[in-house]
Amino acid sequence: MNKVATINIPEEILFSLRESETEIAYEMKLYSAMHYYYHKKLSIGQAALLAEMPEETFIHYLSDNKISIFEHYDRDELLKDIANA
């Protein structure tokens, strides 16, 4: 079950960014997913779910943003994730 979170964004921010509310909301989800993964609050799978993209795509997104998935794993964690993939 999904929950809805509401964020108030001042109109001048929307105007400055020249993006729709939908585009900004999507980017916020992407950045939140990346942030929570980086700070080890979400797994790759959970973060990909938040970002609404397949895990492989999310891993590429992390790489594009200079976040390595290998810095966050010890050997056992990595092997467990590979086994569960």
Protein backbone atom coordinates (compact mmCIF):
# COMPACT_ATOMS: atom_id res chain seq x y z
CA MET A 1 0.00 0.00 0.00
CA ASN A 2 1.32 3.42 -0.94
CA LYS A 3 1.02 6.52 1.22
CA VAL A 4 0.82 10.09 -0.06
CA ALA A 5 3.14 12.78 1.31
CA THR A 6 2.34 16.40 0.56
CA ILE A 7 5.03 19.05 0.11
CA ASN A 8 4.28 22.74 -0.23
CA ILE A 9 6.45 24.36 -2.91
CA PRO A 10 6.35 28.14 -3.30
CA GLU A 11 5.21 29.24 -6.76
CA GLU A 12 8.37 31.29 -7.24
CA ILE A 13 10.40 28.09 -6.92
CA LEU A 14 8.29 26.41 -9.60
CA PHE A 15 8.74 29.47 -11.78
CA SER A 16 12.52 29.60 -11.19
CA LEU A 17 12.98 25.92 -11.94
CA ARG A 18 10.68 25.98 -14.97
CA GLU A 19 9.49 22.51 -14.10
CA SER A 20 6.05 21.17 -13.40
CA GLU A 21 4.94 20.02 -9.98
CA THR A 22 5.06 16.45 -11.27
CA GLU A 23 8.65 16.82 -12.49
CA ILE A 24 9.78 18.34 -9.19
CA ALA A 25 8.02 15.63 -7.18
CA TYR A 26 9.70 12.93 -9.27
CA GLU A 27 13.14 14.51 -8.83
CA MET A 28 12.56 14.80 -5.09
CA LYS A 29 11.77 11.08 -4.99
CA LEU A 30 14.96 10.31 -6.92
CA TYR A 31 17.13 12.47 -4.68
CA SER A 32 15.45 11.09 -1.56
CA ALA A 33 16.04 7.53 -2.72
CA MET A 34 19.69 8.32 -3.44
CA HIS A 35 20.08 10.09 -0.07
CA TYR A 36 18.50 7.29 1.95
CA TYR A 37 20.56 4.66 0.13
CA TYR A 38 23.78 6.63 0.63
CA HIS A 39 23.10 6.97 4.36
CA LYS A 40 22.23 3.25 4.62
CA LYS A 41 18.62 3.87 5.56
CA LEU A 42 17.32 1.97 2.51
CA SER A 43 18.67 -1.00 0.58
CA ILE A 44 19.19 -0.72 -3.17
CA GLY A 45 15.89 -2.53 -3.71
CA GLN A 46 13.98 -0.24 -1.37
CA ALA A 47 15.59 2.89 -2.82
CA ALA A 48 14.81 1.72 -6.37
CA LEU A 49 11.19 1.15 -5.31
CA LEU A 50 11.02 4.70 -3.90
CA ALA A 51 12.58 6.03 -7.13
CA GLU A 52 10.06 3.99 -9.15
CA MET A 53 12.69 2.32 -11.31
CA PRO A 54 14.21 -1.14 -11.71
CA GLU A 55 17.20 -1.86 -9.47
CA GLU A 56 19.58 -1.99 -12.44
CA THR A 57 18.44 1.46 -13.59
CA PHE A 58 18.79 2.80 -10.03
CA ILE A 59 22.34 1.42 -9.83
CA HIS A 60 23.17 3.31 -13.04
CA TYR A 61 21.53 6.42 -11.56
CA LEU A 62 23.74 6.09 -8.48
CA SER A 63 26.80 5.71 -10.69
CA ASP A 64 25.83 8.77 -12.73
CA ASN A 65 25.73 10.67 -9.43
CA LYS A 66 29.13 9.35 -8.32
CA ILE A 67 27.78 6.98 -5.67
CA SER A 68 29.40 3.57 -5.69
CA ILE A 69 27.34 0.64 -4.50
CA PHE A 70 30.52 -1.12 -3.41
CA GLU A 71 31.40 1.42 -0.70
CA HIS A 72 28.29 0.45 1.23
CA TYR A 73 28.86 -3.27 1.42
CA ASP A 74 31.11 -5.59 3.23
CA ARG A 75 31.76 -8.88 1.48
CA ASP A 76 28.95 -10.80 3.21
CA GLU A 77 26.34 -8.11 2.51
CA LEU A 78 27.32 -8.01 -1.15
CA LEU A 79 27.11 -11.79 -1.50
CA LYS A 80 23.70 -11.80 0.22
CA ASP A 81 22.36 -9.12 -2.13
CA ILE A 82 23.72 -10.97 -5.17
CA ALA A 83 22.05 -14.18 -3.98
CA ASN A 84 18.74 -12.36 -3.52
CA ALA A 85 18.86 -10.60 -6.90
